[in-house]
PDB file of all heavy atoms in Angstrom:
ATOM      1  N   ARG A   1     306.080  18.368 219.655  1.00  0.00           N
ATOM      2  CA  ARG A   1     307.419  18.100 219.114  1.00  0.00           C
ATOM      3  C   ARG A   1     308.001  16.792 219.639  1.00  0.00           C
ATOM      4  O   ARG A   1     308.598  16.022 218.886  1.00  0.00           O
ATOM      5  CB  ARG A   1     308.366  19.250 219.467  1.00  0.00           C
ATOM      6  CG  ARG A   1     307.914  20.628 219.001  1.00  0.00           C
ATOM      7  CD  ARG A   1     308.041  20.777 217.502  1.00  0.00           C
ATOM      8  NE  ARG A   1     307.739  22.147 217.086  1.00  0.00           N
ATOM      9  CZ  ARG A   1     307.646  22.525 215.826  1.00  0.00           C
ATOM     10  NH1 ARG A   1     307.815  21.636 214.865  1.00  0.00           N
ATOM     11  NH2 ARG A   1     307.370  23.792 215.508  1.00  0.00           N
ATOM     12  N   TRP A   2     307.857  16.546 220.956  1.00  0.00           N
ATOM     13  CA  TRP A   2     308.453  15.337 221.524  1.00  0.00           C
ATOM     14  C   TRP A   2     307.794  14.089 220.939  1.00  0.00           C
ATOM     15  O   TRP A   2     308.481  13.102 220.647  1.00  0.00           O
ATOM     16  CB  TRP A   2     308.317  15.349 223.045  1.00  0.00           C
ATOM     17  CG  TRP A   2     308.945  16.532 223.711  1.00  0.00           C
ATOM     18  CD1 TRP A   2     308.312  17.512 224.416  1.00  0.00           C
ATOM     19  CD2 TRP A   2     310.341  16.884 223.727  1.00  0.00           C
ATOM     20  NE1 TRP A   2     309.218  18.449 224.869  1.00  0.00           N
ATOM     21  CE2 TRP A   2     310.471  18.078 224.460  1.00  0.00           C
ATOM     22  CE3 TRP A   2     311.487  16.285 223.193  1.00  0.00           C
ATOM     23  CZ2 TRP A   2     311.698  18.695 224.676  1.00  0.00           C
ATOM     24  CZ3 TRP A   2     312.721  16.906 223.403  1.00  0.00           C
ATOM     25  CH2 TRP A   2     312.812  18.090 224.133  1.00  0.00           C
ATOM     26  N   CYS A   3     306.498  14.142 220.764  1.00  0.00           N
ATOM     27  CA  CYS A   3     305.784  13.015 220.162  1.00  0.00           C
ATOM     28  C   CYS A   3     306.254  12.792 218.723  1.00  0.00           C
ATOM     29  O   CYS A   3     306.453  11.653 218.289  1.00  0.00           O
ATOM     30  CB  CYS A   3     304.280  13.278 220.196  1.00  0.00           C
ATOM     31  SG  CYS A   3     303.275  11.978 219.436  1.00  0.00           S
ATOM     32  N   ALA A   4     306.450  13.879 217.986  1.00  0.00           N
ATOM     33  CA  ALA A   4     306.887  13.768 216.592  1.00  0.00           C
ATOM     34  C   ALA A   4     308.277  13.154 216.494  1.00  0.00           C
ATOM     35  O   ALA A   4     308.553  12.336 215.605  1.00  0.00           O
ATOM     36  CB  ALA A   4     306.861  15.141 215.927  1.00  0.00           C
ATOM     37  N   ILE A   5     309.176  13.541 217.405  1.00  0.00           N
ATOM     38  CA  ILE A   5     310.530  12.969 217.407  1.00  0.00           C
ATOM     39  C   ILE A   5     310.468  11.485 217.713  1.00  0.00           C
ATOM     40  O   ILE A   5     311.146  10.663 217.089  1.00  0.00           O
ATOM     41  CB  ILE A   5     311.422  13.711 218.422  1.00  0.00           C
ATOM     42  CG1 ILE A   5     311.618  15.167 217.997  1.00  0.00           C
ATOM     43  CG2 ILE A   5     312.779  13.021 218.551  1.00  0.00           C
ATOM     44  CD1 ILE A   5     312.314  16.031 219.027  1.00  0.00           C
ATOM     45  N   PHE A   6     309.620  11.115 218.696  1.00  0.00           N
ATOM     46  CA  PHE A   6     309.460   9.701 219.023  1.00  0.00           C
ATOM     47  C   PHE A   6     308.952   8.915 217.822  1.00  0.00           C
ATOM     48  O   PHE A   6     309.488   7.851 217.486  1.00  0.00           O
ATOM     49  CB  PHE A   6     308.493   9.562 220.200  1.00  0.00           C
ATOM     50  CG  PHE A   6     308.166   8.137 220.560  1.00  0.00           C
ATOM     51  CD1 PHE A   6     309.015   7.405 221.377  1.00  0.00           C
ATOM     52  CD2 PHE A   6     307.009   7.529 220.071  1.00  0.00           C
ATOM     53  CE1 PHE A   6     308.716   6.081 221.705  1.00  0.00           C
ATOM     54  CE2 PHE A   6     306.711   6.218 220.393  1.00  0.00           C
ATOM     55  CZ  PHE A   6     307.566   5.489 221.214  1.00  0.00           C
ATOM     56  N   GLU A   7     307.935   9.428 217.162  1.00  0.00           N
ATOM     57  CA  GLU A   7     307.369   8.717 216.017  1.00  0.00           C
ATOM     58  C   GLU A   7     308.377   8.576 214.879  1.00  0.00           C
ATOM     59  O   GLU A   7     308.354   7.597 214.130  1.00  0.00           O
ATOM     60  CB  GLU A   7     306.117   9.439 215.528  1.00  0.00           C
ATOM     61  CG  GLU A   7     304.946   9.345 216.504  1.00  0.00           C
ATOM     62  CD  GLU A   7     303.741  10.146 216.053  1.00  0.00           C
ATOM     63  OE1 GLU A   7     303.879  10.919 215.070  1.00  0.00           O
ATOM     64  OE2 GLU A   7     302.666  10.003 216.660  1.00  0.00           O
ATOM     65  N   ALA A   8     309.274   9.567 214.752  1.00  0.00           N
ATOM     66  CA  ALA A   8     310.276   9.506 213.690  1.00  0.00           C
ATOM     67  C   ALA A   8     311.342   8.445 213.963  1.00  0.00           C
ATOM     68  O   ALA A   8     311.892   7.852 213.027  1.00  0.00           O
ATOM     69  CB  ALA A   8     310.938  10.877 213.525  1.00  0.00           C
ATOM     70  N   LEU A   9     311.635   8.192 215.238  1.00  0.00           N
ATOM     71  CA  LEU A   9     312.732   7.287 215.587  1.00  0.00           C
ATOM     72  C   LEU A   9     312.270   5.900 216.027  1.00  0.00           C
ATOM     73  O   LEU A   9     313.039   4.942 215.938  1.00  0.00           O
ATOM     74  CB  LEU A   9     313.586   7.911 216.696  1.00  0.00           C
ATOM     75  CG  LEU A   9     314.344   9.183 216.314  1.00  0.00           C
ATOM     76  CD1 LEU A   9     315.080   9.756 217.519  1.00  0.00           C
ATOM     77  CD2 LEU A   9     315.330   8.896 215.184  1.00  0.00           C
ATOM     78  N   ALA A  10     311.053   5.785 216.518  1.00  0.00           N
ATOM     79  CA  ALA A  10     310.564   4.498 217.031  1.00  0.00           C
ATOM     80  C   ALA A  10     310.025   3.658 215.883  1.00  0.00           C
ATOM     81  O   ALA A  10     308.818   3.572 215.658  1.00  0.00           O
ATOM     82  CB  ALA A  10     309.495   4.720 218.089  1.00  0.00           C
ATOM     83  N   LYS A  11     310.920   3.027 215.158  1.00  0.00           N
ATOM     84  CA  LYS A  11     310.548   2.245 213.980  1.00  0.00           C
ATOM     85  C   LYS A  11     311.022   0.802 214.157  1.00  0.00           C
ATOM     86  O   LYS A  11     312.215   0.511 214.032  1.00  0.00           O
ATOM     87  CB  LYS A  11     311.190   2.836 212.724  1.00  0.00           C
ATOM     88  CG  LYS A  11     310.816   4.276 212.440  1.00  0.00           C
ATOM     89  CD  LYS A  11     309.363   4.420 212.050  1.00  0.00           C
ATOM     90  CE  LYS A  11     309.036   5.850 211.619  1.00  0.00           C
ATOM     91  NZ  LYS A  11     307.606   6.037 211.327  1.00  0.00           N
ATOM     92  N   PRO A  12     310.103  -0.143 214.462  1.00  0.00           N
ATOM     93  CA  PRO A  12     310.509  -1.547 214.537  1.00  0.00           C
ATOM     94  C   PRO A  12     310.749  -2.097 213.146  1.00  0.00           C
ATOM     95  O   PRO A  12     310.503  -1.438 212.140  1.00  0.00           O
ATOM     96  CB  PRO A  12     309.293  -2.221 215.193  1.00  0.00           C
ATOM     97  CG  PRO A  12     308.140  -1.360 214.775  1.00  0.00           C
ATOM     98  CD  PRO A  12     308.675   0.047 214.708  1.00  0.00           C
ATOM     99  N   GLY A  13     311.227  -3.324 213.067  1.00  0.00           N
ATOM    100  CA  GLY A  13     311.429  -3.953 211.765  1.00  0.00           C
ATOM    101  C   GLY A  13     310.119  -4.078 211.016  1.00  0.00           C
ATOM    102  O   GLY A  13     309.040  -4.127 211.614  1.00  0.00           O
ATOM    103  N   GLU A  14     310.183  -4.165 209.715  1.00  0.00           N
ATOM    104  CA  GLU A  14     308.972  -4.156 208.893  1.00  0.00           C
ATOM    105  C   GLU A  14     308.383  -5.542 208.673  1.00  0.00           C
ATOM    106  O   GLU A  14     307.198  -5.672 208.367  1.00  0.00           O
ATOM    107  CB  GLU A  14     309.278  -3.510 207.533  1.00  0.00           C
ATOM    108  CG  GLU A  14     309.662  -2.033 207.652  1.00  0.00           C
ATOM    109  CD  GLU A  14     309.922  -1.412 206.302  1.00  0.00           C
ATOM    110  OE1 GLU A  14     309.845  -2.153 205.294  1.00  0.00           O
ATOM    111  OE2 GLU A  14     310.209  -0.206 206.238  1.00  0.00           O
ATOM    112  N   ASP A  15     309.174  -6.602 208.812  1.00  0.00           N
ATOM    113  CA  ASP A  15     308.702  -7.939 208.458  1.00  0.00           C
ATOM    114  C   ASP A  15     308.406  -8.769 209.714  1.00  0.00           C
ATOM    115  O   ASP A  15     309.255  -8.925 210.584  1.00  0.00           O
ATOM    116  CB  ASP A  15     309.747  -8.672 207.610  1.00  0.00           C
ATOM    117  CG  ASP A  15     310.026  -7.946 206.305  1.00  0.00           C
ATOM    118  OD1 ASP A  15     309.065  -7.393 205.743  1.00  0.00           O
ATOM    119  OD2 ASP A  15     311.186  -7.941 205.859  1.00  0.00           O
ATOM    120  N   GLY A  16     307.188  -9.314 209.771  1.00  0.00           N
ATOM    121  CA  GLY A  16     306.848 -10.245 210.836  1.00  0.00           C
ATOM    122  C   GLY A  16     306.995  -9.684 212.224  1.00  0.00           C
ATOM    123  O   GLY A  16     307.548 -10.350 213.101  1.00  0.00           O
ATOM    124  N   VAL A  17     306.522  -8.474 212.473  1.00  0.00           N
ATOM    125  CA  VAL A  17     306.704  -7.847 213.780  1.00  0.00           C
ATOM    126  C   VAL A  17     305.737  -8.460 214.791  1.00  0.00           C
ATOM    127  O   VAL A  17     304.531  -8.547 214.559  1.00  0.00           O
ATOM    128  CB  VAL A  17     306.476  -6.324 213.695  1.00  0.00           C
ATOM    129  CG1 VAL A  17     306.589  -5.692 215.069  1.00  0.00           C
ATOM    130  CG2 VAL A  17     307.485  -5.704 212.743  1.00  0.00           C
ATOM    131  N   VAL A  18     306.286  -8.881 215.915  1.00  0.00           N
ATOM    132  CA  VAL A  18     305.490  -9.381 217.035  1.00  0.00           C
ATOM    133  C   VAL A  18     305.444  -8.272 218.090  1.00  0.00           C
ATOM    134  O   VAL A  18     306.479  -7.850 218.596  1.00  0.00           O
ATOM    135  CB  VAL A  18     306.097 -10.659 217.640  1.00  0.00           C
ATOM    136  CG1 VAL A  18     305.279 -11.121 218.852  1.00  0.00           C
ATOM    137  CG2 VAL A  18     306.176 -11.763 216.597  1.00  0.00           C
ATOM    138  N   LEU A  19     304.249  -7.787 218.399  1.00  0.00           N
ATOM    139  CA  LEU A  19     304.093  -6.704 219.362  1.00  0.00           C
ATOM    140  C   LEU A  19     303.342  -7.196 220.595  1.00  0.00           C
ATOM    141  O   LEU A  19     302.499  -8.095 220.502  1.00  0.00           O
ATOM    142  CB  LEU A  19     303.339  -5.529 218.738  1.00  0.00           C
ATOM    143  CG  LEU A  19     303.988  -4.850 217.530  1.00  0.00           C
ATOM    144  CD1 LEU A  19     303.146  -3.677 217.055  1.00  0.00           C
ATOM    145  CD2 LEU A  19     305.407  -4.379 217.867  1.00  0.00           C
ATOM    146  N   SER A  20     303.654  -6.602 221.737  1.00  0.00           N
ATOM    147  CA  SER A  20     302.985  -6.925 222.995  1.00  0.00           C
ATOM    148  C   SER A  20     302.236  -5.702 223.490  1.00  0.00           C
ATOM    149  O   SER A  20     302.757  -4.587 223.454  1.00  0.00           O
ATOM    150  CB  SER A  20     304.011  -7.370 224.046  1.00  0.00           C
ATOM    151  OG  SER A  20     304.677  -8.545 223.645  1.00  0.00           O
ATOM    152  N   LEU A  21     301.016  -5.928 223.982  1.00  0.00           N
ATOM    153  CA  LEU A  21     300.135  -4.853 224.435  1.00  0.00           C
ATOM    154  C   LEU A  21     299.856  -5.001 225.929  1.00  0.00           C
ATOM    155  O   LEU A  21     299.542  -6.091 226.399  1.00  0.00           O
ATOM    156  CB  LEU A  21     298.813  -4.913 223.654  1.00  0.00           C
ATOM    157  CG  LEU A  21     297.669  -3.997 224.101  1.00  0.00           C
ATOM    158  CD1 LEU A  21     298.049  -2.528 223.925  1.00  0.00           C
ATOM    159  CD2 LEU A  21     296.401  -4.328 223.309  1.00  0.00           C
ATOM    160  N   ASP A  22     299.983  -3.893 226.663  1.00  0.00           N
ATOM    161  CA  ASP A  22     299.654  -3.917 228.088  1.00  0.00           C
ATOM    162  C   ASP A  22     299.612  -2.485 228.599  1.00  0.00           C
ATOM    163  O   ASP A  22     299.849  -1.527 227.839  1.00  0.00           O
ATOM    164  CB  ASP A  22     300.669  -4.732 228.880  1.00  0.00           C
ATOM    165  CG  ASP A  22     300.069  -5.322 230.159  1.00  0.00           C
ATOM    166  OD1 ASP A  22     298.923  -4.959 230.503  1.00  0.00           O
ATOM    167  OD2 ASP A  22     300.742  -6.135 230.813  1.00  0.00           O
ATOM    168  N   SER A  23     299.298  -2.347 229.893  1.00  0.00           N
ATOM    169  CA  SER A  23     299.270  -1.024 230.515  1.00  0.00           C
ATOM    170  C   SER A  23     299.916  -1.098 231.890  1.00  0.00           C
ATOM    171  O   SER A  23     300.087  -2.195 232.456  1.00  0.00           O
ATOM    172  CB  SER A  23     297.828  -0.510 230.652  1.00  0.00           C
ATOM    173  OG  SER A  23     297.150  -1.215 231.682  1.00  0.00           O
ATOM    174  N   THR A  24     300.265   0.040 232.439  1.00  0.00           N
ATOM    175  CA  THR A  24     300.767   0.134 233.803  1.00  0.00           C
ATOM    176  C   THR A  24     300.177   1.372 234.453  1.00  0.00           C
ATOM    177  O   THR A  24     299.944   2.387 233.777  1.00  0.00           O
ATOM    178  CB  THR A  24     302.310   0.176 233.835  1.00  0.00           C
ATOM    179  OG1 THR A  24     302.781   0.099 235.184  1.00  0.00           O
ATOM    180  CG2 THR A  24     302.841   1.469 233.221  1.00  0.00           C
ATOM    181  N   SER A  25     299.910   1.294 235.744  1.00  0.00           N
ATOM    182  CA  SER A  25     299.312   2.416 236.470  1.00  0.00           C
ATOM    183  C   SER A  25     300.395   3.262 237.124  1.00  0.00           C
ATOM    184  O   SER A  25     301.352   2.730 237.688  1.00  0.00           O
ATOM    185  CB  SER A  25     298.339   1.903 237.544  1.00  0.00           C
ATOM    186  OG  SER A  25     297.214   1.302 236.957  1.00  0.00           O
ATOM    187  N   ILE A  26     300.221   4.580 237.046  1.00  0.00           N
ATOM    188  CA  ILE A  26     301.163   5.538 237.596  1.00  0.00           C
ATOM    189  C   ILE A  26     300.446   6.386 238.650  1.00  0.00           C
ATOM    190  O   ILE A  26     299.402   6.968 238.374  1.00  0.00           O
ATOM    191  CB  ILE A  26     301.731   6.454 236.490  1.00  0.00           C
ATOM    192  CG1 ILE A  26     302.366   5.615 235.367  1.00  0.00           C
ATOM    193  CG2 ILE A  26     302.716   7.452 237.076  1.00  0.00           C
ATOM    194  CD1 ILE A  26     303.565   4.808 235.785  1.00  0.00           C
ATOM    195  N   LYS A  27     301.013   6.442 239.821  1.00  0.00           N
ATOM    196  CA  LYS A  27     300.432   7.252 240.884  1.00  0.00           C
ATOM    197  C   LYS A  27     300.600   8.730 240.553  1.00  0.00           C
ATOM    198  O   LYS A  27     301.687   9.181 240.190  1.00  0.00           O
ATOM    199  CB  LYS A  27     301.136   6.944 242.207  1.00  0.00           C
ATOM    200  CG  LYS A  27     300.544   7.633 243.427  1.00  0.00           C
ATOM    201  CD  LYS A  27     299.312   6.930 243.913  1.00  0.00           C
ATOM    202  CE  LYS A  27     298.853   7.492 245.256  1.00  0.00           C
ATOM    203  NZ  LYS A  27     297.631   6.817 245.748  1.00  0.00           N
ATOM    204  N   ALA A  28     299.505   9.479 240.663  1.00  0.00           N
ATOM    205  CA  ALA A  28     299.554  10.924 240.430  1.00  0.00           C
ATOM    206  C   ALA A  28     299.816  11.633 241.755  1.00  0.00           C
ATOM    207  O   ALA A  28     299.044  11.503 242.709  1.00  0.00           O
ATOM    208  CB  ALA A  28     298.247  11.406 239.821  1.00  0.00           C
ATOM    209  N   HIS A  29     300.903  12.367 241.820  1.00  0.00           N
ATOM    210  CA  HIS A  29     301.249  13.144 243.015  1.00  0.00           C
ATOM    211  C   HIS A  29     300.218  14.255 243.205  1.00  0.00           C
ATOM    212  O   HIS A  29     299.560  14.678 242.239  1.00  0.00           O
ATOM    213  CB  HIS A  29     302.651  13.733 242.835  1.00  0.00           C
ATOM    214  CG  HIS A  29     303.240  14.315 244.063  1.00  0.00           C
ATOM    215  ND1 HIS A  29     303.043  15.627 244.435  1.00  0.00           N
ATOM    216  CD2 HIS A  29     304.047  13.767 245.017  1.00  0.00           C
ATOM    217  CE1 HIS A  29     303.700  15.870 245.555  1.00  0.00           C
ATOM    218  NE2 HIS A  29     304.319  14.757 245.925  1.00  0.00           N
ATOM    219  N   ARG A  30     300.095  14.749 244.424  1.00  0.00           N
ATOM    220  CA  ARG A  30     299.099  15.800 244.676  1.00  0.00           C
ATOM    221  C   ARG A  30     299.374  17.065 243.868  1.00  0.00           C
ATOM    222  O   ARG A  30     298.451  17.801 243.537  1.00  0.00           O
ATOM    223  CB  ARG A  30     299.036  16.136 246.167  1.00  0.00           C
ATOM    224  CG  ARG A  30     300.295  16.740 246.759  1.00  0.00           C
ATOM    225  CD  ARG A  30     300.116  17.011 248.248  1.00  0.00           C
ATOM    226  NE  ARG A  30     301.307  17.592 248.844  1.00  0.00           N
ATOM    227  CZ  ARG A  30     301.600  18.886 248.834  1.00  0.00           C
ATOM    228  NH1 ARG A  30     300.769  19.727 248.249  1.00  0.00           N
ATOM    229  NH2 ARG A  30     302.702  19.340 249.388  1.00  0.00           N
ATOM    230  N   CYS A  31     300.646  17.307 243.507  1.00  0.00           N
ATOM    231  CA  CYS A  31     300.945  18.500 242.713  1.00  0.00           C
ATOM    232  C   CYS A  31     300.495  18.344 241.259  1.00  0.00           C
ATOM    233  O   CYS A  31     300.541  19.308 240.493  1.00  0.00           O
ATOM    234  CB  CYS A  31     302.431  18.852 242.786  1.00  0.00           C
ATOM    235  SG  CYS A  31     303.513  17.686 241.970  1.00  0.00           S
ATOM    236  N   ALA A  32     300.045  17.130 240.875  1.00  0.00           N
ATOM    237  CA  ALA A  32     299.483  16.946 239.531  1.00  0.00           C
ATOM    238  C   ALA A  32     298.047  17.444 239.455  1.00  0.00           C
ATOM    239  O   ALA A  32     297.460  17.469 238.375  1.00  0.00           O
ATOM    240  CB  ALA A  32     299.552  15.472 239.128  1.00  0.00           C
TER     241      ALA A  32
END
């Protein structure tokens, strides 16, 4: 459900969209 809501609302402009691609590392706590 949360992914579906995000996809419904995360809409950039349709013309000439410039997108940036990258990643970031997240430390996993021991309780993960």
